[in-house]
Amino acid sequence: MQPRSERRILVATAGEAESRGALRFTAALAARDASPVLALGVATLLPRGMASLVTARQPVALDERSRLEVLDNVRHTVQGVPGADAWEKRAFIGMPADVINATASRWKASMIVLGIGRHNRIDRMFGTETAVAVMRRARIPVLAVPQLVRALPVRAVAALDFTAASLAAATLAADLLADDGTLLLAHVCAFRGAKAKVGDLVDVYRAGARAKLNEAVRMVQRRTKRQVEGVMLEGEAGAALVAYARREHCDLIALGGHQLGLMDRILLGSVRTRIVRDAPCAVLIAPPEPS
């Protein structure tokens, strides 16, 4: 896990309401860890044919005007956010997911924070779906934050499949928690509802998963001062995690990010996407730590 003193946070905002929680979370984390912050806005590139129909301005001039308007929106939006006077503010033109990931790479960001919508079709189109697109391509942790978030999370559940990515996500989730926070490591078991006999396949699997879960709890406990507990769930992974987060009033769900292999994106990407769309709280996607 990257030391707090080296954390660099890119927070994406264009002045929309969905980014308010992301800005408040970023401010709290940056204040605690003394992290530099880049507030980034993205102006969507206007198709050249459309530009010629709606205005006599040259397309390049029109794009630059849009960029400057977005930059003004970013500056206006962060006014009043504690510590935001020291943040760097930029705006670029392009597709949001592409620009956010490319800027994070150039700026050497170690985390991306962005807002996520929950209320209607427009929110899903411009809030949630942008978050999903960023997460699919990101090489660094991405945190999608609901609008009403006002502080660091206190109770988080981290999905654990015992891969390096899921352990990295769990460790980072613990670090993002408030000082009195609790991290719940959750492994979603197969064989939902199946009755087991001593020594059969179901019994061996469950016993092995429980042993691995206990070992993971001890490992994460060595890396954090937060309280860490383990829990075994059953059912379809995405639905089980979302339901558990609701039931336990969690304000963060942490998941391991994809490997670069195609099959992982196909088989696991849908689970992560469902959780991002359905979760009642913030969602963290963290890729495996570099070797």
Protein backbone atom coordinates (compact mmCIF):
# COMPACT_ATOMS: atom_id res chain seq x y z
CA MET A 1 0.00 0.00 0.00
CA GLN A 2 1.29 3.45 -0.91
CA PRO A 3 2.36 5.56 2.10
CA ARG A 4 -0.07 8.32 2.96
CA SER A 5 2.62 10.97 2.52
CA GLU A 6 2.93 9.95 -1.15
CA ARG A 7 -0.79 9.83 -1.96
CA ARG A 8 -1.86 12.11 -4.81
CA ILE A 9 -5.62 12.46 -5.32
CA LEU A 10 -7.36 13.33 -8.58
CA VAL A 11 -11.00 14.32 -7.98
CA ALA A 12 -13.20 14.64 -11.07
CA THR A 13 -15.88 17.32 -11.06
CA ALA A 14 -17.60 19.55 -13.58
CA GLY A 15 -19.69 21.42 -11.05
CA GLU A 16 -22.51 18.88 -11.05
CA ALA A 17 -24.37 18.00 -7.85
CA GLU A 18 -23.20 14.37 -8.01
CA SER A 19 -19.61 15.42 -7.26
CA ARG A 20 -20.31 17.14 -3.94
CA GLY A 21 -19.77 14.01 -1.88
CA ALA A 22 -16.56 13.26 -3.78
CA LEU A 23 -15.26 16.76 -3.03
CA ARG A 24 -16.08 16.51 0.67
CA PHE A 25 -14.47 13.07 0.92
CA THR A 26 -11.36 14.30 -0.91
CA ALA A 27 -11.08 17.31 1.38
CA ALA A 28 -11.27 15.12 4.49
CA LEU A 29 -8.71 12.63 3.19
CA ALA A 30 -6.32 15.31 1.93
CA ALA A 31 -6.49 17.18 5.24
CA ARG A 32 -5.74 14.04 7.22
CA ASP A 33 -2.88 12.83 5.03
CA ALA A 34 -1.52 16.16 3.70
CA SER A 35 -2.11 14.92 0.15
CA PRO A 36 -1.91 17.11 -2.98
CA VAL A 37 -5.16 17.27 -4.95
CA LEU A 38 -5.98 17.92 -8.60
CA ALA A 39 -9.59 18.93 -9.29
CA LEU A 40 -10.32 17.96 -12.90
CA GLY A 41 -13.17 18.97 -15.18
CA VAL A 42 -13.90 17.52 -18.62
CA ALA A 43 -15.61 19.34 -21.47
CA THR A 44 -17.18 16.94 -23.96
CA LEU A 45 -15.85 17.36 -27.48
CA LEU A 46 -18.59 18.72 -29.75
CA PRO A 47 -18.87 16.80 -33.06
CA ARG A 48 -17.55 18.95 -35.89
CA GLY A 49 -20.71 18.61 -37.98
CA MET A 50 -22.89 19.69 -35.09
CA ALA A 51 -20.61 22.60 -34.29
CA SER A 52 -21.05 24.02 -37.79
CA LEU A 53 -24.83 23.81 -37.46
CA VAL A 54 -25.22 25.55 -34.11
CA THR A 55 -22.61 28.29 -34.38
CA ALA A 56 -20.51 30.26 -36.81
CA ARG A 57 -17.48 29.99 -34.50
CA GLN A 58 -14.57 27.83 -35.53
CA PRO A 59 -14.86 24.37 -33.88
CA VAL A 60 -11.51 24.71 -32.10
CA ALA A 61 -12.57 28.05 -30.60
CA LEU A 62 -15.87 26.54 -29.52
CA ASP A 63 -14.11 23.64 -27.80
CA GLU A 64 -11.76 26.02 -25.99
CA ARG A 65 -14.70 28.11 -24.84
CA SER A 66 -16.35 24.96 -23.45
CA ARG A 67 -13.13 24.01 -21.68
CA LEU A 68 -12.82 27.42 -20.04
CA GLU A 69 -16.46 27.28 -18.94
CA VAL A 70 -15.87 23.91 -17.32
CA LEU A 71 -12.72 25.21 -15.63
CA ASP A 72 -14.73 28.13 -14.23
CA ASN A 73 -17.33 25.65 -12.97
CA VAL A 74 -14.62 23.60 -11.26
CA ARG A 75 -13.20 26.67 -9.54
CA HIS A 76 -16.64 27.82 -8.46
CA THR A 77 -17.67 24.37 -7.21
CA VAL A 78 -14.66 23.86 -4.95
CA GLN A 79 -15.02 27.30 -3.36
CA GLY A 80 -15.84 26.76 0.29
CA VAL A 81 -14.52 23.20 0.34
CA PRO A 82 -11.98 23.10 3.20
CA GLY A 83 -8.42 23.22 1.89
CA ALA A 84 -9.47 23.53 -1.77
CA ASP A 85 -7.66 26.85 -2.19
CA ALA A 86 -4.44 24.84 -2.38
CA TRP A 87 -5.79 22.36 -4.93
CA GLU A 88 -4.66 22.43 -8.52
CA LYS A 89 -7.54 22.99 -10.97
CA ARG A 90 -7.56 21.88 -14.59
CA ALA A 91 -10.01 21.19 -17.41
CA PHE A 92 -9.57 19.28 -20.65
CA ILE A 93 -11.66 18.35 -23.67
CA GLY A 94 -12.60 14.78 -24.56
CA MET A 95 -14.50 11.72 -23.39
CA PRO A 96 -14.68 11.84 -19.58
CA ALA A 97 -13.36 8.33 -18.82
CA ASP A 98 -10.47 8.68 -21.26
CA VAL A 99 -9.48 12.14 -20.03
CA ILE A 100 -9.71 11.19 -16.34
CA ASN A 101 -7.49 8.12 -16.70
CA ALA A 102 -4.99 9.85 -19.01
CA THR A 103 -4.69 12.86 -16.70
CA ALA A 104 -4.27 10.61 -13.67
CA SER A 105 -1.36 8.91 -15.43
CA ARG A 106 0.34 12.16 -16.47
CA TRP A 107 -0.12 13.77 -13.05
CA LYS A 108 1.05 10.57 -11.33
CA ALA A 109 -2.12 10.34 -9.26
CA SER A 110 -2.36 7.43 -6.84
CA MET A 111 -6.16 7.57 -6.49
CA ILE A 112 -9.14 8.79 -8.52
CA VAL A 113 -12.24 10.06 -6.71
CA LEU A 114 -15.46 10.87 -8.55
CA GLY A 115 -19.16 11.27 -7.91
CA ILE A 116 -21.85 8.72 -8.57
CA GLY A 117 -25.55 9.29 -9.29
CA ARG A 118 -28.42 7.32 -7.84
CA HIS A 119 -31.69 9.14 -8.46
CA ASN A 120 -32.77 9.00 -12.07
CA ARG A 121 -31.83 8.02 -15.61
CA ILE A 122 -29.73 11.17 -16.15
CA ASP A 123 -27.72 10.43 -13.00
CA ARG A 124 -27.09 6.88 -14.19
CA MET A 125 -26.01 8.10 -17.63
CA PHE A 126 -23.62 10.86 -16.61
CA GLY A 127 -22.69 9.89 -13.05
CA THR A 128 -22.73 6.14 -12.55
CA GLU A 129 -21.80 5.15 -16.09
CA THR A 130 -18.80 7.47 -16.18
CA ALA A 131 -17.62 5.90 -12.92
CA VAL A 132 -18.02 2.41 -14.40
CA ALA A 133 -16.07 3.39 -17.53
CA VAL A 134 -13.23 4.92 -15.50
CA MET A 135 -12.99 1.85 -13.27
CA ARG A 136 -12.82 -0.54 -16.22
CA ARG A 137 -9.65 1.11 -17.54
CA ALA A 138 -7.96 2.48 -14.44
CA ARG A 139 -4.55 1.22 -13.28
CA ILE A 140 -4.91 2.89 -9.86
CA PRO A 141 -7.63 2.76 -7.18
CA VAL A 142 -10.91 4.47 -8.06
CA LEU A 143 -13.47 5.58 -5.47
CA ALA A 144 -17.03 6.42 -6.52
CA VAL A 145 -18.76 8.55 -3.88
CA PRO A 146 -22.49 9.33 -3.50
CA GLN A 147 -23.59 12.95 -3.32
CA LEU A 148 -24.57 12.97 0.37
CA VAL A 149 -21.21 11.76 1.75
CA ARG A 150 -19.72 14.30 4.16
CA ALA A 151 -16.75 12.57 5.80
CA LEU A 152 -14.47 9.55 5.73
CA PRO A 153 -16.24 6.18 5.98
CA VAL A 154 -16.69 4.54 9.38
CA ARG A 155 -17.87 1.07 8.39
CA ALA A 156 -16.62 -0.73 5.28
CA VAL A 157 -17.06 -4.18 3.78
CA ALA A 158 -14.31 -5.56 1.55
CA ALA A 159 -15.08 -8.46 -0.78
CA LEU A 160 -12.40 -11.11 -0.38
CA ASP A 161 -11.68 -13.83 -2.95
CA PHE A 162 -8.12 -14.27 -1.64
CA THR A 163 -6.50 -12.75 -4.73
CA ALA A 164 -3.81 -10.08 -4.50
CA ALA A 165 -6.29 -7.53 -5.83
CA SER A 166 -8.90 -8.21 -3.15
CA LEU A 167 -6.30 -8.06 -0.38
CA ALA A 168 -4.97 -4.77 -1.75
CA ALA A 169 -8.53 -3.38 -1.83
CA ALA A 170 -9.16 -4.48 1.75
CA THR A 171 -5.94 -2.92 3.01
CA LEU A 172 -6.65 0.35 1.22
CA ALA A 173 -10.22 0.40 2.54
CA ALA A 174 -8.89 0.09 6.08
CA ASP A 175 -6.57 3.04 5.45
CA LEU A 176 -9.43 5.20 4.16
CA LEU A 177 -11.57 4.62 7.26
CA ALA A 178 -11.96 7.15 10.03
CA ASP A 179 -9.90 6.48 13.15
CA ASP A 180 -12.78 4.66 14.86
CA GLY A 181 -13.71 2.73 11.73
CA THR A 182 -14.41 -0.99 11.29
CA LEU A 183 -13.47 -3.11 8.28
CA LEU A 184 -15.49 -6.25 7.53
CA LEU A 185 -13.78 -8.81 5.29
CA ALA A 186 -16.50 -10.73 3.47
CA HIS A 187 -16.05 -13.92 1.47
CA VAL A 188 -19.07 -14.95 -0.58
CA CYS A 189 -19.27 -18.75 -0.55
CA ALA A 190 -20.44 -21.00 -3.31
CA PHE A 191 -22.96 -23.81 -2.66
CA ARG A 192 -25.64 -21.49 -1.28
CA GLY A 193 -27.98 -23.37 1.01
CA ALA A 194 -26.26 -26.70 0.39
CA LYS A 195 -26.16 -29.11 3.29
CA ALA A 196 -22.72 -30.52 3.99
CA LYS A 197 -21.47 -33.77 5.48
CA VAL A 198 -18.13 -34.01 7.21
CA GLY A 199 -15.40 -34.40 4.60
CA ASP A 200 -17.51 -33.86 1.49
CA LEU A 201 -16.74 -31.21 -1.14
CA VAL A 202 -18.97 -28.54 0.40
CA ASP A 203 -17.58 -29.09 3.88
CA VAL A 204 -13.96 -29.02 2.66
CA TYR A 205 -14.58 -25.85 0.66
CA ARG A 206 -16.25 -24.00 3.52
CA ALA A 207 -13.61 -25.06 6.03
CA GLY A 208 -10.82 -23.99 3.71
CA ALA A 209 -12.49 -20.65 2.95
CA ARG A 210 -13.00 -19.95 6.64
CA ALA A 211 -9.34 -20.73 7.37
CA LYS A 212 -8.20 -18.43 4.57
CA LEU A 213 -10.56 -15.71 5.77
CA ASN A 214 -9.20 -15.88 9.31
CA GLU A 215 -5.66 -15.69 7.94
CA ALA A 216 -6.60 -12.63 5.84
CA VAL A 217 -8.13 -10.93 8.88
CA ARG A 218 -4.88 -11.40 10.80
CA MET A 219 -2.84 -10.10 7.88
CA VAL A 220 -4.91 -6.93 7.47
CA GLN A 221 -4.92 -6.39 11.25
CA ARG A 222 -1.12 -6.21 11.11
CA ARG A 223 -1.37 -3.41 8.53
CA THR A 224 -3.92 -1.18 10.25
CA LYS A 225 -5.04 0.14 13.61
CA ARG A 226 -8.69 -0.14 12.60
CA GLN A 227 -10.91 -2.94 13.86
CA VAL A 228 -11.02 -5.85 11.38
CA GLU A 229 -13.58 -8.68 11.37
CA GLY A 230 -14.40 -11.54 9.01
CA VAL A 231 -17.77 -12.72 7.73
CA MET A 232 -18.90 -15.53 5.43
CA LEU A 233 -21.77 -14.77 3.03
CA GLU A 234 -23.67 -16.93 0.57
CA GLY A 235 -25.35 -16.23 -2.74
CA GLU A 236 -24.56 -14.40 -5.96
CA ALA A 237 -21.55 -12.24 -5.19
CA GLY A 238 -22.86 -8.84 -6.26
CA ALA A 239 -26.32 -9.20 -4.71
CA ALA A 240 -24.93 -10.68 -1.48
CA LEU A 241 -22.44 -7.85 -0.96
CA VAL A 242 -24.96 -5.08 -1.70
CA ALA A 243 -27.54 -6.67 0.63
CA TYR A 244 -24.95 -7.06 3.39
CA ALA A 245 -23.80 -3.44 3.01
CA ARG A 246 -27.41 -2.27 3.38
CA ARG A 247 -28.10 -4.51 6.36
CA GLU A 248 -24.92 -3.52 8.22
CA HIS A 249 -25.17 0.19 7.31
CA CYS A 250 -21.79 0.18 5.59
CA ASP A 251 -20.67 3.41 3.95
CA LEU A 252 -18.02 1.77 1.73
CA ILE A 253 -17.76 -1.41 -0.36
CA ALA A 254 -14.23 -2.35 -1.48
CA LEU A 255 -13.49 -4.67 -4.38
CA GLY A 256 -10.35 -5.89 -6.09
CA GLY A 257 -9.70 -4.39 -9.50
CA HIS A 258 -9.35 -6.39 -12.69
CA GLN A 259 -6.21 -8.01 -13.93
CA LEU A 260 -5.38 -7.07 -17.49
CA GLY A 261 -6.57 -10.41 -18.86
CA LEU A 262 -9.65 -10.51 -21.07
CA MET A 263 -11.41 -13.33 -19.21
CA ASP A 264 -11.15 -11.51 -15.87
CA ARG A 265 -12.79 -8.44 -17.40
CA ILE A 266 -15.61 -10.55 -18.83
CA LEU A 267 -16.30 -12.81 -15.84
CA LEU A 268 -15.67 -10.41 -12.96
CA GLY A 269 -16.32 -7.05 -14.58
CA SER A 270 -20.08 -7.61 -14.56
CA VAL A 271 -20.07 -8.23 -10.80
CA ARG A 272 -18.18 -5.03 -10.11
CA THR A 273 -20.38 -3.06 -12.49
CA ARG A 274 -23.53 -4.31 -10.79
CA ILE A 275 -22.21 -3.33 -7.39
CA VAL A 276 -21.26 0.16 -8.58
CA ARG A 277 -24.75 0.62 -10.00
CA ASP A 278 -26.67 -0.85 -7.04
CA ALA A 279 -24.59 -0.09 -3.95
CA PRO A 280 -26.16 2.15 -1.28
CA CYS A 281 -22.77 3.67 -0.47
CA ALA A 282 -19.35 4.55 -1.84
CA VAL A 283 -17.53 1.89 -3.89
CA LEU A 284 -13.76 1.40 -4.05
CA ILE A 285 -12.12 -0.57 -6.87
CA ALA A 286 -8.42 -1.23 -6.20
CA PRO A 287 -6.13 -3.08 -8.64
CA PRO A 288 -3.38 -5.41 -7.43
CA GLU A 289 -0.38 -3.70 -5.89
CA PRO A 290 2.62 -3.52 -8.24
CA SER A 291 5.15 -6.28 -7.75
